[in-house]
């Protein structure tokens, strides 16, 4: 994980820690539709597959997967809206 990802300030944060797969990914997609192009969405998740699912979805959909950061018992998954 690069220092830049740790220091990224999200434009929108979605707390999906209580949601099982595929809930956090669905919430990420919904949040990306609500922000401007170039904005960053951060999803908090306890679902271990979210970062891999988000990375794969970003490669198919044209958005930029910035990375995931482990924080205590959850992950912060960051995605930049590209279109």
N, C-alpha and C. Protein backbone atom coordinates (compact mmCIF):
# COMPACT_ATOMS: atom_id res chain seq x y z
N UNK A 1 0.85 -1.18 0.00
CA UNK A 1 0.00 0.00 0.00
C UNK A 1 0.89 1.24 0.00
N UNK A 2 0.60 2.15 -0.88
CA UNK A 2 1.41 3.35 -0.96
C UNK A 2 0.93 4.38 0.06
N UNK A 3 1.82 5.28 0.41
CA UNK A 3 1.48 6.35 1.33
C UNK A 3 0.36 7.20 0.77
N UNK A 4 0.35 7.38 -0.55
CA UNK A 4 -0.67 8.22 -1.16
C UNK A 4 -2.08 7.70 -0.86
N UNK A 5 -2.28 6.40 -0.91
CA UNK A 5 -3.61 5.84 -0.66
C UNK A 5 -4.04 6.13 0.78
N UNK A 6 -3.13 6.01 1.72
CA UNK A 6 -3.45 6.30 3.12
C UNK A 6 -3.90 7.74 3.30
N UNK A 7 -3.33 8.64 2.50
CA UNK A 7 -3.58 10.07 2.66
C UNK A 7 -4.72 10.59 1.79
N UNK A 8 -5.34 9.73 1.01
CA UNK A 8 -6.43 10.16 0.12
C UNK A 8 -7.64 10.57 0.97
N UNK A 9 -8.18 11.72 0.63
CA UNK A 9 -9.40 12.20 1.30
C UNK A 9 -10.58 11.88 0.40
N UNK A 10 -11.49 11.07 0.91
CA UNK A 10 -12.66 10.67 0.13
C UNK A 10 -13.68 11.80 0.09
N UNK A 11 -14.36 11.89 -1.05
CA UNK A 11 -15.45 12.84 -1.19
C UNK A 11 -16.74 12.29 -0.59
N UNK A 12 -16.85 10.97 -0.55
CA UNK A 12 -18.03 10.31 0.02
C UNK A 12 -17.56 9.04 0.72
N UNK A 13 -18.03 8.83 1.94
CA UNK A 13 -17.70 7.62 2.70
C UNK A 13 -18.99 6.84 2.93
N UNK A 14 -18.92 5.54 2.63
CA UNK A 14 -20.06 4.65 2.82
C UNK A 14 -19.67 3.60 3.85
N UNK A 15 -20.42 3.54 4.94
CA UNK A 15 -20.16 2.54 5.97
C UNK A 15 -21.00 1.29 5.67
N UNK A 16 -20.34 0.29 5.09
CA UNK A 16 -21.03 -0.97 4.73
C UNK A 16 -20.53 -2.12 5.62
N UNK A 17 -20.07 -1.79 6.81
CA UNK A 17 -19.49 -2.82 7.69
C UNK A 17 -20.51 -3.86 8.14
N UNK A 18 -21.79 -3.54 8.10
CA UNK A 18 -22.81 -4.49 8.51
C UNK A 18 -23.38 -5.29 7.35
N UNK A 19 -22.84 -5.09 6.16
CA UNK A 19 -23.39 -5.69 4.95
C UNK A 19 -22.50 -6.83 4.45
N UNK A 20 -23.13 -7.96 4.12
CA UNK A 20 -22.39 -9.09 3.55
C UNK A 20 -22.31 -8.98 2.04
N UNK A 21 -21.51 -9.81 1.45
CA UNK A 21 -21.31 -9.84 -0.01
C UNK A 21 -22.64 -10.13 -0.71
N UNK A 22 -23.02 -9.44 -1.74
CA UNK A 22 -22.30 -8.39 -2.47
C UNK A 22 -22.67 -6.98 -2.04
N UNK A 23 -23.25 -6.83 -0.85
CA UNK A 23 -23.73 -5.54 -0.38
C UNK A 23 -22.76 -4.38 -0.47
N UNK A 24 -21.51 -4.53 0.04
CA UNK A 24 -20.58 -3.41 -0.04
C UNK A 24 -20.28 -2.97 -1.48
N UNK A 25 -20.20 -3.92 -2.41
CA UNK A 25 -19.97 -3.56 -3.81
C UNK A 25 -21.18 -2.82 -4.38
N UNK A 26 -22.37 -3.29 -4.06
CA UNK A 26 -23.59 -2.62 -4.52
C UNK A 26 -23.63 -1.19 -3.98
N UNK A 27 -23.27 -1.01 -2.71
CA UNK A 27 -23.26 0.31 -2.10
C UNK A 27 -22.20 1.21 -2.74
N UNK A 28 -21.06 0.63 -3.10
CA UNK A 28 -20.01 1.37 -3.79
C UNK A 28 -20.52 1.89 -5.14
N UNK A 29 -21.14 1.01 -5.91
CA UNK A 29 -21.65 1.38 -7.22
C UNK A 29 -22.70 2.48 -7.09
N UNK A 30 -23.59 2.35 -6.13
CA UNK A 30 -24.62 3.36 -5.89
C UNK A 30 -23.98 4.71 -5.55
N UNK A 31 -22.98 4.69 -4.67
CA UNK A 31 -22.32 5.92 -4.24
C UNK A 31 -21.58 6.59 -5.40
N UNK A 32 -20.97 5.81 -6.27
CA UNK A 32 -20.27 6.39 -7.41
C UNK A 32 -21.22 7.15 -8.33
N UNK A 33 -22.45 6.69 -8.42
CA UNK A 33 -23.45 7.38 -9.26
C UNK A 33 -23.87 8.71 -8.65
N UNK A 34 -23.63 8.89 -7.36
CA UNK A 34 -24.07 10.09 -6.65
C UNK A 34 -23.02 11.19 -6.59
N UNK A 35 -21.77 10.88 -6.98
CA UNK A 35 -20.70 11.88 -6.90
C UNK A 35 -20.28 12.33 -8.29
N UNK A 36 -19.58 13.45 -8.33
CA UNK A 36 -19.09 14.02 -9.58
C UNK A 36 -17.94 13.17 -10.14
N UNK A 37 -17.72 13.25 -11.44
CA UNK A 37 -16.56 12.60 -12.06
C UNK A 37 -15.31 13.18 -11.42
N UNK A 38 -14.38 12.31 -11.10
CA UNK A 38 -13.14 12.72 -10.44
C UNK A 38 -13.20 12.60 -8.93
N UNK A 39 -14.38 12.36 -8.39
CA UNK A 39 -14.55 12.22 -6.95
C UNK A 39 -14.13 10.82 -6.48
N UNK A 40 -13.81 10.74 -5.20
CA UNK A 40 -13.36 9.48 -4.61
C UNK A 40 -14.40 8.99 -3.61
N UNK A 41 -14.76 7.72 -3.74
CA UNK A 41 -15.67 7.07 -2.81
C UNK A 41 -14.88 6.07 -1.97
N UNK A 42 -15.12 6.10 -0.69
CA UNK A 42 -14.48 5.16 0.23
C UNK A 42 -15.56 4.31 0.88
N UNK A 43 -15.39 2.99 0.81
CA UNK A 43 -16.35 2.07 1.42
C UNK A 43 -15.66 1.37 2.59
N UNK A 44 -16.31 1.39 3.73
CA UNK A 44 -15.82 0.65 4.90
C UNK A 44 -16.52 -0.69 4.89
N UNK A 45 -15.74 -1.77 4.96
CA UNK A 45 -16.31 -3.10 4.84
C UNK A 45 -15.58 -4.12 5.71
N UNK A 46 -16.34 -5.08 6.20
CA UNK A 46 -15.76 -6.23 6.91
C UNK A 46 -15.79 -7.46 6.02
N UNK A 47 -16.33 -7.31 4.82
CA UNK A 47 -16.43 -8.42 3.86
C UNK A 47 -15.09 -8.55 3.14
N UNK A 48 -14.37 -9.66 3.33
CA UNK A 48 -13.02 -9.79 2.77
C UNK A 48 -12.94 -9.77 1.25
N UNK A 49 -14.03 -10.08 0.56
CA UNK A 49 -13.99 -10.12 -0.90
C UNK A 49 -14.21 -8.76 -1.56
N UNK A 50 -14.59 -7.77 -0.78
CA UNK A 50 -14.97 -6.48 -1.37
C UNK A 50 -13.85 -5.86 -2.19
N UNK A 51 -12.61 -5.87 -1.67
CA UNK A 51 -11.54 -5.20 -2.41
C UNK A 51 -11.28 -5.88 -3.75
N UNK A 52 -11.30 -7.21 -3.79
CA UNK A 52 -11.10 -7.92 -5.05
C UNK A 52 -12.27 -7.70 -6.01
N UNK A 53 -13.49 -7.72 -5.46
CA UNK A 53 -14.67 -7.47 -6.28
C UNK A 53 -14.64 -6.04 -6.84
N UNK A 54 -14.27 -5.07 -6.00
CA UNK A 54 -14.22 -3.68 -6.44
C UNK A 54 -13.15 -3.49 -7.50
N UNK A 55 -12.00 -4.12 -7.32
CA UNK A 55 -10.92 -4.00 -8.30
C UNK A 55 -11.36 -4.58 -9.65
N UNK A 56 -11.98 -5.75 -9.63
CA UNK A 56 -12.46 -6.38 -10.87
C UNK A 56 -13.56 -5.53 -11.52
N UNK A 57 -14.48 -5.02 -10.72
CA UNK A 57 -15.56 -4.20 -11.26
C UNK A 57 -15.01 -2.92 -11.88
N UNK A 58 -14.03 -2.30 -11.23
CA UNK A 58 -13.42 -1.08 -11.76
C UNK A 58 -12.76 -1.33 -13.12
N UNK A 59 -12.09 -2.45 -13.27
CA UNK A 59 -11.43 -2.74 -14.55
C UNK A 59 -12.44 -2.94 -15.67
N UNK A 60 -13.64 -3.43 -15.33
CA UNK A 60 -14.69 -3.62 -16.34
C UNK A 60 -15.46 -2.33 -16.62
N UNK A 61 -15.60 -1.49 -15.60
CA UNK A 61 -16.49 -0.34 -15.73
C UNK A 61 -15.78 0.97 -16.06
N UNK A 62 -14.45 0.98 -15.99
CA UNK A 62 -13.71 2.18 -16.35
C UNK A 62 -13.43 3.14 -15.21
N UNK A 63 -13.68 2.72 -13.98
CA UNK A 63 -13.34 3.55 -12.83
C UNK A 63 -11.97 3.12 -12.31
N UNK A 64 -11.39 3.91 -11.42
CA UNK A 64 -10.03 3.63 -10.95
C UNK A 64 -10.04 3.11 -9.52
N UNK A 65 -9.56 1.88 -9.35
CA UNK A 65 -9.41 1.28 -8.02
C UNK A 65 -8.13 1.86 -7.42
N UNK A 66 -8.25 2.57 -6.31
CA UNK A 66 -7.08 3.22 -5.70
C UNK A 66 -6.38 2.33 -4.69
N UNK A 67 -7.13 1.40 -4.09
CA UNK A 67 -6.53 0.50 -3.12
C UNK A 67 -7.42 0.25 -1.93
N UNK A 68 -6.91 -0.56 -1.01
CA UNK A 68 -7.63 -0.89 0.21
C UNK A 68 -6.67 -0.79 1.38
N UNK A 69 -7.18 -0.29 2.48
CA UNK A 69 -6.37 -0.09 3.68
C UNK A 69 -7.02 -0.85 4.83
N UNK A 70 -6.26 -1.71 5.50
CA UNK A 70 -6.77 -2.44 6.66
C UNK A 70 -6.75 -1.51 7.87
N UNK A 71 -7.89 -1.38 8.55
CA UNK A 71 -8.00 -0.55 9.74
C UNK A 71 -8.71 -1.38 10.81
N UNK A 72 -8.00 -1.76 11.84
CA UNK A 72 -8.58 -2.58 12.91
C UNK A 72 -9.28 -3.81 12.31
N UNK A 73 -10.61 -3.88 12.43
CA UNK A 73 -11.33 -5.07 11.98
C UNK A 73 -12.11 -4.84 10.68
N UNK A 74 -11.76 -3.82 9.93
CA UNK A 74 -12.41 -3.58 8.64
C UNK A 74 -11.42 -3.00 7.63
N UNK A 75 -11.85 -2.91 6.38
CA UNK A 75 -11.03 -2.33 5.33
C UNK A 75 -11.68 -1.08 4.78
N UNK A 76 -10.84 -0.15 4.36
CA UNK A 76 -11.28 1.04 3.64
C UNK A 76 -10.92 0.80 2.18
N UNK A 77 -11.92 0.72 1.32
CA UNK A 77 -11.74 0.48 -0.11
C UNK A 77 -12.00 1.80 -0.83
N UNK A 78 -11.02 2.25 -1.64
CA UNK A 78 -11.13 3.55 -2.28
C UNK A 78 -11.18 3.43 -3.80
N UNK A 79 -12.15 4.11 -4.39
CA UNK A 79 -12.37 4.08 -5.84
C UNK A 79 -12.62 5.50 -6.33
N UNK A 80 -12.01 5.83 -7.46
CA UNK A 80 -12.20 7.15 -8.08
C UNK A 80 -13.15 7.02 -9.27
N UNK A 81 -14.18 7.88 -9.30
CA UNK A 81 -15.12 7.89 -10.42
C UNK A 81 -14.44 8.53 -11.63
N UNK A 82 -14.39 7.80 -12.74
CA UNK A 82 -13.68 8.26 -13.93
C UNK A 82 -14.58 8.68 -15.06
N UNK A 83 -15.86 8.33 -15.01
CA UNK A 83 -16.76 8.71 -16.11
C UNK A 83 -18.18 8.88 -15.62
